[in-house]
C-alpha atoms as a PDB file:
ATOM      1  CA  MET A   1     173.625 152.366 208.394  1.00  0.00           C
ATOM      2  CA  LEU A   2     173.480 148.440 206.876  1.00  0.00           C
ATOM      3  CA  LEU A   3     170.089 149.744 204.809  1.00  0.00           C
ATOM      4  CA  PHE A   4     171.809 152.816 203.723  1.00  0.00           C
ATOM      5  CA  ALA A   5     174.613 150.763 202.684  1.00  0.00           C
ATOM      6  CA  GLN A   6     172.847 148.173 200.255  1.00  0.00           C
ATOM      7  CA  GLY A   7     170.513 151.401 198.724  1.00  0.00           C
ATOM      8  CA  PRO A   8     172.466 151.886 195.907  1.00  0.00           C
ATOM      9  CA  ASP A   9     172.470 148.368 195.001  1.00  0.00           C
ATOM     10  CA  VAL A  10     168.742 148.183 194.674  1.00  0.00           C
ATOM     11  CA  GLY A  11     168.228 150.312 191.651  1.00  0.00           C
ATOM     12  CA  PRO A  12     170.145 148.654 188.773  1.00  0.00           C
ATOM     13  CA  ASP A  13     168.080 145.448 189.599  1.00  0.00           C
ATOM     14  CA  LEU A  14     164.384 147.132 189.704  1.00  0.00           C
ATOM     15  CA  SER A  15     165.418 148.596 185.926  1.00  0.00           C
ATOM     16  CA  GLN A  16     166.701 145.105 184.693  1.00  0.00           C
ATOM     17  CA  ILE A  17     163.334 143.537 185.670  1.00  0.00           C
ATOM     18  CA  LEU A  18     161.288 146.323 183.950  1.00  0.00           C
ATOM     19  CA  TRP A  19     163.566 145.968 180.980  1.00  0.00           C
ATOM     20  CA  ILE A  20     163.303 142.438 180.830  1.00  0.00           C
ATOM     21  CA  GLY A  21     159.586 142.956 181.627  1.00  0.00           C
ATOM     22  CA  GLY A  22     159.244 144.875 178.491  1.00  0.00           C
ATOM     23  CA  ILE A  23     160.653 142.533 176.288  1.00  0.00           C
ATOM     24  CA  LEU A  24     158.309 140.167 176.891  1.00  0.00           C
ATOM     25  CA  ILE A  25     155.524 142.173 176.396  1.00  0.00           C
ATOM     26  CA  ALA A  26     157.027 143.257 173.248  1.00  0.00           C
ATOM     27  CA  VAL A  27     157.597 139.573 172.281  1.00  0.00           C
ATOM     28  CA  LEU A  28     154.102 138.724 173.525  1.00  0.00           C
ATOM     29  CA  ALA A  29     152.922 141.670 171.303  1.00  0.00           C
ATOM     30  CA  VAL A  30     154.878 140.259 168.191  1.00  0.00           C
ATOM     31  CA  LEU A  31     153.605 137.001 168.709  1.00  0.00           C
ATOM     32  CA  VAL A  32     150.161 138.381 168.708  1.00  0.00           C
ATOM     33  CA  VAL A  33     150.498 140.560 165.737  1.00  0.00           C
ATOM     34  CA  LEU A  34     151.942 137.186 163.986  1.00  0.00           C
ATOM     35  CA  ALA A  35     149.422 134.923 164.923  1.00  0.00           C
ATOM     36  CA  VAL A  36     146.556 137.848 163.201  1.00  0.00           C
ATOM     37  CA  VAL A  37     148.785 138.278 160.292  1.00  0.00           C
ATOM     38  CA  VAL A  38     149.190 134.263 159.983  1.00  0.00           C
ATOM     39  CA  ARG A  39     145.272 133.649 160.627  1.00  0.00           C
ATOM     40  CA  TYR A  40     144.147 136.523 158.385  1.00  0.00           C
ATOM     41  CA  PHE A  41     146.811 136.936 155.630  1.00  0.00           C
ATOM     42  CA  ARG A  42     145.321 135.303 152.954  1.00  0.00           C
ATOM     43  CA  LEU A  43     142.287 136.928 153.716  1.00  0.00           C
ATOM     44  CA  TRP A  44     143.604 139.865 153.283  1.00  0.00           C
ATOM     45  CA  ILE A  45     146.110 139.624 150.269  1.00  0.00           C
ATOM     46  CA  GLN A  46     142.652 138.159 148.367  1.00  0.00           C
ATOM     47  CA  SER A  47     140.959 141.507 149.916  1.00  0.00           C
ATOM     48  CA  PHE A  48     143.818 143.541 148.516  1.00  0.00           C
ATOM     49  CA  THR A  49     144.563 142.153 145.332  1.00  0.00           C
ATOM     50  CA  THR A  50     140.981 142.309 144.328  1.00  0.00           C
ATOM     51  CA  GLY A  51     140.199 145.429 145.397  1.00  0.00           C
ATOM     52  CA  ALA A  52     137.304 144.685 148.049  1.00  0.00           C
ATOM     53  CA  GLY A  53     138.835 147.457 150.486  1.00  0.00           C
ATOM     54  CA  ILE A  54     138.856 144.939 153.621  1.00  0.00           C
ATOM     55  CA  GLY A  55     142.007 145.665 155.737  1.00  0.00           C
ATOM     56  CA  ILE A  56     143.178 143.343 158.576  1.00  0.00           C
ATOM     57  CA  LEU A  57     141.796 145.614 161.203  1.00  0.00           C
ATOM     58  CA  ASP A  58     138.429 144.894 159.703  1.00  0.00           C
ATOM     59  CA  LEU A  59     138.811 140.821 159.851  1.00  0.00           C
ATOM     60  CA  LEU A  60     140.251 140.998 163.601  1.00  0.00           C
ATOM     61  CA  GLY A  61     136.637 143.263 164.397  1.00  0.00           C
ATOM     62  CA  MET A  62     134.921 140.541 162.397  1.00  0.00           C
ATOM     63  CA  THR A  63     136.015 137.842 164.597  1.00  0.00           C
ATOM     64  CA  PHE A  64     134.903 139.864 167.814  1.00  0.00           C
ATOM     65  CA  ARG A  65     131.707 140.672 166.337  1.00  0.00           C
ATOM     66  CA  LYS A  66     131.190 136.773 165.569  1.00  0.00           C
ATOM     67  CA  VAL A  67     131.003 137.034 161.917  1.00  0.00           C
ATOM     68  CA  ASP A  68     132.857 134.732 159.564  1.00  0.00           C
ATOM     69  CA  PRO A  69     135.335 136.624 157.732  1.00  0.00           C
ATOM     70  CA  ARG A  70     135.495 134.203 154.710  1.00  0.00           C
ATOM     71  CA  VAL A  71     132.223 134.979 153.993  1.00  0.00           C
ATOM     72  CA  ILE A  72     132.330 138.243 154.485  1.00  0.00           C
ATOM     73  CA  VAL A  73     135.359 139.092 152.169  1.00  0.00           C
ATOM     74  CA  ARG A  74     134.164 136.125 149.398  1.00  0.00           C
ATOM     75  CA  SER A  75     130.824 137.875 149.127  1.00  0.00           C
ATOM     76  CA  LYS A  76     132.789 141.285 148.728  1.00  0.00           C
ATOM     77  CA  ILE A  77     135.203 139.406 146.125  1.00  0.00           C
ATOM     78  CA  MET A  78     132.468 138.182 144.050  1.00  0.00           C
ATOM     79  CA  ALA A  79     130.191 141.948 143.812  1.00  0.00           C
ATOM     80  CA  VAL A  80     133.515 143.695 143.385  1.00  0.00           C
ATOM     81  CA  LYS A  81     134.808 141.281 140.358  1.00  0.00           C
ATOM     82  CA  SER A  82     131.149 141.892 138.938  1.00  0.00           C
ATOM     83  CA  GLY A  83     130.962 144.976 138.606  1.00  0.00           C
ATOM     84  CA  LEU A  84     128.958 146.182 141.839  1.00  0.00           C
ATOM     85  CA  GLY A  85     130.693 148.864 143.499  1.00  0.00           C
ATOM     86  CA  GLU A  86     129.905 150.361 147.286  1.00  0.00           C
ATOM     87  CA  GLU A  87     127.627 152.795 145.250  1.00  0.00           C
ATOM     88  CA  THR A  88     125.292 149.889 144.951  1.00  0.00           C
ATOM     89  CA  GLY A  89     124.866 149.621 148.969  1.00  0.00           C
ATOM     90  CA  ILE A  90     127.240 146.825 148.880  1.00  0.00           C
ATOM     91  CA  THR A  91     129.381 147.654 151.963  1.00  0.00           C
ATOM     92  CA  SER A  92     131.486 145.213 153.606  1.00  0.00           C
ATOM     93  CA  LYS A  93     129.268 146.619 157.054  1.00  0.00           C
ATOM     94  CA  ALA A  94     126.246 146.316 155.178  1.00  0.00           C
ATOM     95  CA  LEU A  95     127.184 142.593 154.612  1.00  0.00           C
ATOM     96  CA  GLU A  96     128.507 142.144 158.108  1.00  0.00           C
ATOM     97  CA  ALA A  97     124.654 143.278 159.482  1.00  0.00           C
ATOM     98  CA  HIS A  98     122.746 141.063 156.886  1.00  0.00           C
ATOM     99  CA  TYR A  99     124.993 138.013 157.976  1.00  0.00           C
ATOM    100  CA  LEU A 100     124.151 139.125 161.788  1.00  0.00           C
ATOM    101  CA  ALA A 101     120.578 139.333 161.090  1.00  0.00           C
ATOM    102  CA  GLY A 102     120.639 135.196 160.118  1.00  0.00           C
ATOM    103  CA  GLY A 103     121.005 136.343 156.308  1.00  0.00           C
ATOM    104  CA  ASN A 104     122.395 133.919 153.592  1.00  0.00           C
ATOM    105  CA  VAL A 105     125.283 136.906 152.032  1.00  0.00           C
ATOM    106  CA  PRO A 106     126.671 134.780 149.414  1.00  0.00           C
ATOM    107  CA  LEU A 107     123.060 133.463 148.335  1.00  0.00           C
ATOM    108  CA  VAL A 108     121.918 137.369 148.246  1.00  0.00           C
ATOM    109  CA  ILE A 109     124.950 138.444 146.290  1.00  0.00           C
ATOM    110  CA  ARG A 110     124.928 135.981 143.543  1.00  0.00           C
ATOM    111  CA  ALA A 111     121.289 136.693 143.122  1.00  0.00           C
ATOM    112  CA  ILE A 112     122.620 140.412 142.579  1.00  0.00           C
ATOM    113  CA  ILE A 113     125.141 139.473 139.966  1.00  0.00           C
ATOM    114  CA  ALA A 114     122.618 137.393 138.258  1.00  0.00           C
ATOM    115  CA  ALA A 115     119.707 139.944 137.773  1.00  0.00           C
ATOM    116  CA  THR A 116     122.574 142.608 136.666  1.00  0.00           C
ATOM    117  CA  LYS A 117     123.809 140.343 134.021  1.00  0.00           C
ATOM    118  CA  ALA A 118     120.204 139.434 132.826  1.00  0.00           C
ATOM    119  CA  LYS A 119     119.471 143.041 132.603  1.00  0.00           C
ATOM    120  CA  ILE A 120     115.760 142.395 132.794  1.00  0.00           C
ATOM    121  CA  VAL A 121     115.492 142.139 136.578  1.00  0.00           C
ATOM    122  CA  ASP A 122     115.253 145.470 138.877  1.00  0.00           C
ATOM    123  CA  LEU A 123     116.947 143.733 142.237  1.00  0.00           C
ATOM    124  CA  ASP A 124     118.761 146.289 144.337  1.00  0.00           C
ATOM    125  CA  PHE A 125     120.784 145.015 147.906  1.00  0.00           C
ATOM    126  CA  LYS A 126     117.922 146.160 150.136  1.00  0.00           C
ATOM    127  CA  ARG A 127     115.280 144.255 147.993  1.00  0.00           C
ATOM    128  CA  ALA A 128     117.499 140.999 148.028  1.00  0.00           C
ATOM    129  CA  THR A 129     118.552 141.257 151.812  1.00  0.00           C
ATOM    130  CA  ALA A 130     114.958 141.399 152.556  1.00  0.00           C
ATOM    131  CA  ILE A 131     113.466 138.628 150.382  1.00  0.00           C
ATOM    132  CA  ASP A 132     116.203 136.808 151.643  1.00  0.00           C
ATOM    133  CA  LEU A 133     114.981 137.331 155.673  1.00  0.00           C
ATOM    134  CA  ALA A 134     111.491 136.711 154.602  1.00  0.00           C
ATOM    135  CA  GLY A 135     112.574 133.374 153.887  1.00  0.00           C
ATOM    136  CA  ARG A 136     112.032 133.158 150.010  1.00  0.00           C
ATOM    137  CA  ASN A 137     115.275 131.971 148.171  1.00  0.00           C
ATOM    138  CA  VAL A 138     116.262 135.416 146.252  1.00  0.00           C
ATOM    139  CA  LEU A 139     118.344 133.414 143.788  1.00  0.00           C
ATOM    140  CA  GLU A 140     115.633 130.721 142.603  1.00  0.00           C
ATOM    141  CA  ALA A 141     113.237 134.138 142.346  1.00  0.00           C
ATOM    142  CA  VAL A 142     116.106 135.930 139.914  1.00  0.00           C
ATOM    143  CA  GLN A 143     116.366 132.530 137.729  1.00  0.00           C
ATOM    144  CA  THR A 144     112.475 131.836 137.913  1.00  0.00           C
ATOM    145  CA  SER A 145     112.149 135.634 136.535  1.00  0.00           C
ATOM    146  CA  VAL A 146     115.099 135.443 133.938  1.00  0.00           C
ATOM    147  CA  TYR A 147     113.629 131.224 132.873  1.00  0.00           C
ATOM    148  CA  PRO A 148     109.802 130.972 133.095  1.00  0.00           C
ATOM    149  CA  LYS A 149     108.682 128.130 135.303  1.00  0.00           C
ATOM    150  CA  VAL A 150     106.092 125.843 134.591  1.00  0.00           C
ATOM    151  CA  ILE A 151     103.412 124.643 136.644  1.00  0.00           C
ATOM    152  CA  ASP A 152     101.525 121.717 136.402  1.00  0.00           C
ATOM    153  CA  CYS A 153      97.507 122.232 136.816  1.00  0.00           C
ATOM    154  CA  PRO A 154      96.280 120.385 138.751  1.00  0.00           C
ATOM    155  CA  ALA A 155      99.681 119.584 140.668  1.00  0.00           C
ATOM    156  CA  ARG A 156     101.453 116.292 140.175  1.00  0.00           C
ATOM    157  CA  GLY A 157     100.652 113.905 142.797  1.00  0.00           C
ATOM    158  CA  SER A 158      97.601 115.657 143.633  1.00  0.00           C
ATOM    159  CA  ALA A 159      94.505 113.705 144.623  1.00  0.00           C
ATOM    160  CA  ARG A 160      92.785 114.341 141.133  1.00  0.00           C
ATOM    161  CA  ASP A 161      94.681 113.859 137.626  1.00  0.00           C
ATOM    162  CA  SER A 162      92.351 116.421 135.691  1.00  0.00           C
ATOM    163  CA  LEU A 163      89.829 119.637 136.142  1.00  0.00           C
ATOM    164  CA  ASP A 164      86.459 118.709 135.739  1.00  0.00           C
ATOM    165  CA  GLY A 165      84.118 120.966 134.211  1.00  0.00           C
ATOM    166  CA  ILE A 166      80.771 120.737 132.583  1.00  0.00           C
ATOM    167  CA  ALA A 167      79.440 122.678 130.100  1.00  0.00           C
ATOM    168  CA  GLN A 168      75.845 124.196 129.809  1.00  0.00           C
ATOM    169  CA  ASN A 169      74.811 120.952 128.045  1.00  0.00           C
ATOM    170  CA  GLY A 170      75.646 118.756 130.580  1.00  0.00           C
ATOM    171  CA  ILE A 171      78.598 117.128 129.212  1.00  0.00           C
ATOM    172  CA  GLN A 172      82.158 116.651 131.306  1.00  0.00           C
ATOM    173  CA  LEU A 173      85.126 117.757 130.529  1.00  0.00           C
ATOM    174  CA  LYS A 174      88.557 116.790 131.575  1.00  0.00           C
ATOM    175  CA  VAL A 175      90.986 119.319 131.371  1.00  0.00           C
ATOM    176  CA  ARG A 176      94.483 119.309 132.252  1.00  0.00           C
ATOM    177  CA  ALA A 177      96.850 122.223 131.906  1.00  0.00           C
ATOM    178  CA  ARG A 178     100.176 123.839 132.063  1.00  0.00           C
ATOM    179  CA  VAL A 179     100.945 127.296 133.548  1.00  0.00           C
ATOM    180  CA  THR A 180     103.989 129.411 132.606  1.00  0.00           C
ATOM    181  CA  VAL A 181     104.984 131.566 135.536  1.00  0.00           C
ATOM    182  CA  ARG A 182     107.552 134.331 135.865  1.00  0.00           C
ATOM    183  CA  ALA A 183     108.540 135.622 139.625  1.00  0.00           C
ATOM    184  CA  ASN A 184     106.964 139.003 140.567  1.00  0.00           C
ATOM    185  CA  LEU A 185     110.229 140.459 143.050  1.00  0.00           C
ATOM    186  CA  ALA A 186     108.091 143.271 143.521  1.00  0.00           C
ATOM    187  CA  GLN A 187     105.387 140.904 145.293  1.00  0.00           C
ATOM    188  CA  LEU A 188     107.424 138.527 146.370  1.00  0.00           C
ATOM    189  CA  ILE A 189     107.575 139.331 150.164  1.00  0.00           C
ATOM    190  CA  GLY A 190     103.793 138.269 151.096  1.00  0.00           C
ATOM    191  CA  GLY A 191     102.814 137.484 148.063  1.00  0.00           C
ATOM    192  CA  ALA A 192     100.706 134.213 147.855  1.00  0.00           C
ATOM    193  CA  THR A 193     102.605 131.172 146.556  1.00  0.00           C
ATOM    194  CA  GLU A 194     102.673 128.328 143.571  1.00  0.00           C
ATOM    195  CA  GLU A 195      99.512 126.292 145.291  1.00  0.00           C
ATOM    196  CA  THR A 196      97.398 129.804 145.130  1.00  0.00           C
ATOM    197  CA  ILE A 197      98.348 130.032 141.573  1.00  0.00           C
ATOM    198  CA  ILE A 198      97.042 126.418 140.667  1.00  0.00           C
ATOM    199  CA  ALA A 199      93.679 126.870 142.594  1.00  0.00           C
ATOM    200  CA  ARG A 200      92.867 129.796 140.663  1.00  0.00           C
ATOM    201  CA  VAL A 201      93.810 128.335 137.366  1.00  0.00           C
ATOM    202  CA  GLY A 202      91.853 125.562 138.005  1.00  0.00           C
ATOM    203  CA  GLU A 203      88.373 127.855 138.856  1.00  0.00           C
ATOM    204  CA  GLY A 204      88.892 130.033 135.887  1.00  0.00           C
ATOM    205  CA  ILE A 205      89.560 127.018 133.453  1.00  0.00           C
ATOM    206  CA  VAL A 206      85.692 125.338 135.747  1.00  0.00           C
ATOM    207  CA  SER A 207      84.000 128.553 135.124  1.00  0.00           C
ATOM    208  CA  ALA A 208      84.932 129.295 131.479  1.00  0.00           C
ATOM    209  CA  ILE A 209      84.110 125.490 130.387  1.00  0.00           C
ATOM    210  CA  GLY A 210      80.840 126.462 132.492  1.00  0.00           C
ATOM    211  CA  SER A 211      80.009 129.298 130.503  1.00  0.00           C
ATOM    212  CA  ALA A 212      80.491 127.112 126.898  1.00  0.00           C
ATOM    213  CA  ALA A 213      76.726 126.762 125.607  1.00  0.00           C
ATOM    214  CA  THR A 214      78.088 123.195 124.227  1.00  0.00           C
ATOM    215  CA  HIS A 215      81.400 120.948 124.674  1.00  0.00           C
ATOM    216  CA  GLY A 216      81.616 121.177 121.621  1.00  0.00           C
ATOM    217  CA  GLU A 217      83.170 125.062 121.532  1.00  0.00           C
ATOM    218  CA  VAL A 218      85.529 123.912 123.594  1.00  0.00           C
ATOM    219  CA  LEU A 219      86.751 120.926 121.727  1.00  0.00           C
ATOM    220  CA  GLU A 220      87.280 123.705 118.603  1.00  0.00           C
ATOM    221  CA  ASN A 221      88.910 125.955 120.449  1.00  0.00           C
ATOM    222  CA  PRO A 222      91.075 125.040 123.373  1.00  0.00           C
ATOM    223  CA  ASP A 223      92.406 128.750 123.596  1.00  0.00           C
ATOM    224  CA  LYS A 224      89.430 130.122 124.449  1.00  0.00           C
ATOM    225  CA  ILE A 225      89.653 128.748 127.647  1.00  0.00           C
ATOM    226  CA  SER A 226      93.506 130.453 128.054  1.00  0.00           C
ATOM    227  CA  LYS A 227      92.284 133.804 126.908  1.00  0.00           C
ATOM    228  CA  THR A 228      89.024 133.234 129.349  1.00  0.00           C
ATOM    229  CA  VAL A 229      91.209 132.890 132.247  1.00  0.00           C
ATOM    230  CA  LEU A 230      94.113 135.425 131.215  1.00  0.00           C
ATOM    231  CA  ALA A 231      91.680 138.010 131.178  1.00  0.00           C
ATOM    232  CA  ARG A 232      91.106 137.397 134.344  1.00  0.00           C
ATOM    233  CA  ARG A 233      94.294 138.727 136.345  1.00  0.00           C
ATOM    234  CA  LEU A 234      94.570 135.305 138.474  1.00  0.00           C
ATOM    235  CA  ASP A 235      98.408 136.331 139.582  1.00  0.00           C
ATOM    236  CA  SER A 236      97.310 139.470 141.338  1.00  0.00           C
ATOM    237  CA  GLN A 237      98.632 139.478 144.870  1.00  0.00           C
ATOM    238  CA  THR A 238     101.054 136.900 144.343  1.00  0.00           C
ATOM    239  CA  ALA A 239     104.435 136.163 143.899  1.00  0.00           C
ATOM    240  CA  PHE A 240     104.517 135.121 140.400  1.00  0.00           C
ATOM    241  CA  GLU A 241     103.520 136.574 136.977  1.00  0.00           C
ATOM    242  CA  ILE A 242     101.480 134.449 134.926  1.00  0.00           C
ATOM    243  CA  VAL A 243     102.695 134.686 131.162  1.00  0.00           C
ATOM    244  CA  SER A 244     100.793 131.959 129.860  1.00  0.00           C
ATOM    245  CA  ILE A 245      98.005 129.433 130.198  1.00  0.00           C
ATOM    246  CA  ASP A 246      98.471 125.631 127.902  1.00  0.00           C
ATOM    247  CA  ILE A 247      95.897 123.633 127.635  1.00  0.00           C
ATOM    248  CA  ALA A 248      97.578 120.055 127.512  1.00  0.00           C
ATOM    249  CA  ASP A 249      95.020 117.701 126.879  1.00  0.00           C
ATOM    250  CA  VAL A 250      91.386 117.674 127.133  1.00  0.00           C
ATOM    251  CA  ASP A 251      89.096 114.630 127.608  1.00  0.00           C
ATOM    252  CA  VAL A 252      85.129 113.885 127.362  1.00  0.00           C
ATOM    253  CA  GLY A 253      83.454 112.373 130.411  1.00  0.00           C
ATOM    254  CA  ASP A 254      80.390 111.481 131.341  1.00  0.00           C
ATOM    255  CA  ASN A 255      76.970 113.248 130.619  1.00  0.00           C
ATOM    256  CA  ILE A 256      76.142 114.364 133.790  1.00  0.00           C
ATOM    257  CA  GLY A 257      73.347 116.709 132.653  1.00  0.00           C
ATOM    258  CA  ALA A 258      71.194 113.579 131.693  1.00  0.00           C
ATOM    259  CA  VAL A 259      72.195 111.675 135.184  1.00  0.00           C
ATOM    260  CA  LEU A 260      71.287 114.777 137.175  1.00  0.00           C
ATOM    261  CA  GLN A 261      67.575 115.008 134.965  1.00  0.00           C
ATOM    262  CA  GLY A 262      67.026 111.100 135.640  1.00  0.00           C
ATOM    263  CA  GLU A 263      67.914 111.473 139.092  1.00  0.00           C
ATOM    264  CA  GLN A 264      65.910 114.746 139.666  1.00  0.00           C
ATOM    265  CA  ALA A 265      62.517 112.954 137.389  1.00  0.00           C
ATOM    266  CA  GLU A 266      63.186 109.999 140.043  1.00  0.00           C
ATOM    267  CA  ALA A 267      62.785 111.752 142.869  1.00  0.00           C
ATOM    268  CA  ASP A 268      59.656 114.167 141.122  1.00  0.00           C
ATOM    269  CA  LEU A 269      58.248 110.175 140.810  1.00  0.00           C
ATOM    270  CA  ARG A 270      58.896 109.740 144.587  1.00  0.00           C
ATOM    271  CA  VAL A 271      57.262 112.848 145.470  1.00  0.00           C
ATOM    272  CA  ALA A 272      54.226 112.318 143.678  1.00  0.00           C
ATOM    273  CA  ARG A 273      53.720 109.029 144.858  1.00  0.00           C
ATOM    274  CA  ALA A 274      54.430 110.112 147.959  1.00  0.00           C
ATOM    275  CA  LYS A 275      51.373 112.576 147.527  1.00  0.00           C
ATOM    276  CA  ALA A 276      49.122 110.599 145.624  1.00  0.00           C
ATOM    277  CA  GLU A 277      49.487 107.801 148.502  1.00  0.00           C
ATOM    278  CA  GLY A 278      48.533 110.845 150.771  1.00  0.00           C
ATOM    279  CA  ARG A 279      45.281 111.828 149.121  1.00  0.00           C
ATOM    280  CA  ARG A 280      44.565 107.801 148.596  1.00  0.00           C
ATOM    281  CA  ALA A 281      44.516 107.843 152.273  1.00  0.00           C
ATOM    282  CA  MET A 282      42.513 111.105 152.899  1.00  0.00           C
ATOM    283  CA  ALA A 283      39.610 109.628 150.959  1.00  0.00           C
ATOM    284  CA  VAL A 284      39.777 106.224 152.532  1.00  0.00           C
ATOM    285  CA  ALA A 285      39.337 108.152 155.505  1.00  0.00           C
ATOM    286  CA  GLU A 286      36.606 109.973 154.457  1.00  0.00           C
ATOM    287  CA  GLU A 287      34.902 107.165 153.094  1.00  0.00           C
ATOM    288  CA  GLN A 288      35.331 105.659 156.291  1.00  0.00           C
ATOM    289  CA  GLU A 289      33.883 109.044 158.198  1.00  0.00           C
ATOM    290  CA  MET A 290      30.815 108.567 155.761  1.00  0.00           C
ATOM    291  CA  PHE A 291      29.953 105.085 156.758  1.00  0.00           C
ATOM    292  CA  ALA A 292      29.867 105.996 160.040  1.00  0.00           C
ATOM    293  CA  GLN A 293      27.915 108.933 159.459  1.00  0.00           C
ATOM    294  CA  ILE A 294      25.634 106.521 157.307  1.00  0.00           C
ATOM    295  CA  GLU A 295      25.789 104.056 160.508  1.00  0.00           C
ATOM    296  CA  GLU A 296      24.581 106.958 162.644  1.00  0.00           C
ATOM    297  CA  SER A 297      22.094 108.101 160.629  1.00  0.00           C
ATOM    298  CA  ARG A 298      20.436 104.449 160.602  1.00  0.00           C
ATOM    299  CA  ALA A 299      20.602 104.186 164.291  1.00  0.00           C
ATOM    300  CA  LYS A 300      18.979 107.422 164.910  1.00  0.00           C
ATOM    301  CA  VAL A 301      16.401 106.061 162.343  1.00  0.00           C
ATOM    302  CA  VAL A 302      16.034 102.542 164.434  1.00  0.00           C
ATOM    303  CA  GLU A 303      15.538 104.731 167.338  1.00  0.00           C
ATOM    304  CA  ALA A 304      12.854 107.087 165.725  1.00  0.00           C
ATOM    305  CA  GLU A 305      10.878 103.947 164.744  1.00  0.00           C
ATOM    306  CA  ALA A 306      11.121 102.332 167.688  1.00  0.00           C
ATOM    307  CA  GLU A 307       9.105 105.378 169.015  1.00  0.00           C
ATOM    308  CA  VAL A 308       6.139 104.763 166.632  1.00  0.00           C
ATOM    309  CA  PRO A 309       4.431 102.234 168.743  1.00  0.00           C
ATOM    310  CA  LYS A 310       4.733 104.167 171.524  1.00  0.00           C
ATOM    311  CA  ALA A 311       2.928 107.011 169.707  1.00  0.00           C
ATOM    312  CA  ILE A 312       0.388 104.810 168.124  1.00  0.00           C
ATOM    313  CA  ALA A 313      -0.454 103.420 171.862  1.00  0.00           C
ATOM    314  CA  GLN A 314      -0.681 106.974 173.206  1.00  0.00           C
ATOM    315  CA  ALA A 315      -3.108 107.688 170.763  1.00  0.00           C
ATOM    316  CA  PHE A 316      -5.357 104.841 170.944  1.00  0.00           C
ATOM    317  CA  ARG A 317      -5.386 105.465 174.811  1.00  0.00           C
ATOM    318  CA  GLU A 318      -6.208 108.933 173.982  1.00  0.00           C
ATOM    319  CA  GLY A 319      -8.938 108.339 171.725  1.00  0.00           C
ATOM    320  CA  SER A 320      -7.425 110.095 168.737  1.00  0.00           C
ATOM    321  CA  LEU A 321      -6.817 107.230 166.566  1.00  0.00           C
ATOM    322  CA  GLY A 322      -9.248 104.404 165.814  1.00  0.00           C
ATOM    323  CA  ILE A 323      -9.073 101.016 164.524  1.00  0.00           C
ATOM    324  CA  MET A 324     -10.237 101.947 160.767  1.00  0.00           C
ATOM    325  CA  ASP A 325      -7.408 104.551 161.042  1.00  0.00           C
ATOM    326  CA  TYR A 326      -4.732 101.937 162.133  1.00  0.00           C
ATOM    327  CA  TYR A 327      -5.449  99.832 159.182  1.00  0.00           C
ATOM    328  CA  LYS A 328      -5.523 102.334 156.924  1.00  0.00           C
ATOM    329  CA  LEU A 329      -1.950 103.598 157.940  1.00  0.00           C
ATOM    330  CA  ARG A 330      -0.847  99.773 158.020  1.00  0.00           C
ATOM    331  CA  ASN A 331      -2.518  99.864 153.989  1.00  0.00           C
ATOM    332  CA  VAL A 332      -0.254 102.678 153.230  1.00  0.00           C
ATOM    333  CA  GLN A 333       3.016 100.668 155.057  1.00  0.00           C
ATOM    334  CA  ALA A 334       2.138  97.547 152.957  1.00  0.00           C
ATOM    335  CA  ASP A 335       1.777  99.381 149.379  1.00  0.00           C
ATOM    336  CA  THR A 336       4.842 101.548 150.206  1.00  0.00           C
ATOM    337  CA  ASP A 337       6.886  98.339 150.805  1.00  0.00           C
ATOM    338  CA  MET A 338       5.350  96.378 147.471  1.00  0.00           C
ATOM    339  CA  ARG A 339       6.856  99.782 145.606  1.00  0.00           C
ATOM    340  CA  THR A 340       9.638  99.503 147.087  1.00  0.00           C
ATOM    341  CA  ALA A 341      10.121  95.839 146.368  1.00  0.00           C
ATOM    342  CA  ILE A 342       8.528  96.351 142.602  1.00  0.00           C
ATOM    343  CA  ALA A 343      11.541  99.257 141.996  1.00  0.00           C
ATOM    344  CA  ARG A 344      14.925  97.161 143.244  1.00  0.00           C
ATOM    345  CA  PRO A 345      16.206  95.886 140.448  1.00  0.00           C
ATOM    346  CA  GLY A 346      16.624  91.914 139.528  1.00  0.00           C
ATOM    347  CA  THR A 347      13.198  91.775 141.819  1.00  0.00           C
ATOM    348  CA  LYS A 348      10.178  90.000 140.100  1.00  0.00           C
ATOM    349  CA  SER A 349       7.041  91.650 140.466  1.00  0.00           C
ATOM    350  CA  GLY A 350       4.186  89.876 141.863  1.00  0.00           C
ATOM    351  CA  GLY A 351       1.726  89.637 145.530  1.00  0.00           C
ATOM    352  CA  GLY A 352      -0.540  91.790 146.303  1.00  0.00           C
ATOM    353  CA  THR A 353      -1.324  94.500 149.343  1.00  0.00           C
ATOM    354  CA  ALA A 354      -2.448  93.511 152.733  1.00  0.00           C
ATOM    355  CA  ALA A 355      -6.065  93.967 153.748  1.00  0.00           C
END
């Protein structure tokens, strides 16, 4: 009975709790709205007054997507004030996507604005974002397209201060050049850098000097080098377009041809000496070989002469040789020795034959 008696008093207490809870929720919602308005009010006012078309909810969504609203709003305002509407592809969603991809949104917008104002560079939003994401400074590229850049060849601070070429007459020429280039936005992604331009121009200058008959031709017409190098299209597959190549200085170096000829003559002389020494050694070897053969022949003669007395003794024993025959043989030998002695130069004739 007591529980039923207290039942009617419970209803008002619950309604009061619900009413107070609703008030608290409403106050909390108002506070949240006020916090959002306070945080984004200035950006919203800037967007509203400039016609950028970015609302409070868009700014709140950027915060949830971890996008800096200030960057997007200011970039969109720059684009709108420069006459770049959403028909050019520059929308808040596109700016957010480029920001989330790690791109530099303000730099891209400034580059597009510069290209549009220059009216000589064709740069749309997609190409600009692609160049920026590729790691290239798109604003610098646009500025280089409008105001050409001068590159020293060889580069400053390099190991050599000149490009050395040798004409066909052997005279060395030392050349310093300046290359004026303009950025080629169509090949900026994947195109070669300044180092490639410097290397190609250096190679072209050395080849042009080498094709000249004399160094005087190059000194009389330095522009001949520039025309030859420009005709080779050295800016192919690079991020630049060569506007002009100017020869800043030409100096005459050493007579490399004479030095090389002298060194070649010395080398030929050393080779000739080596060959002559080889021939002399062969001749000496042949002479020694002939001496050895002569000594060998003498030994054979001596050996043969040693057999003569044995043969004479054998003839005496067999009776085929008499004493008178032996004396006749001795007289013939003595007569032969006398004629040989007389025939020798510087020997006085005299004496007789053996009896």
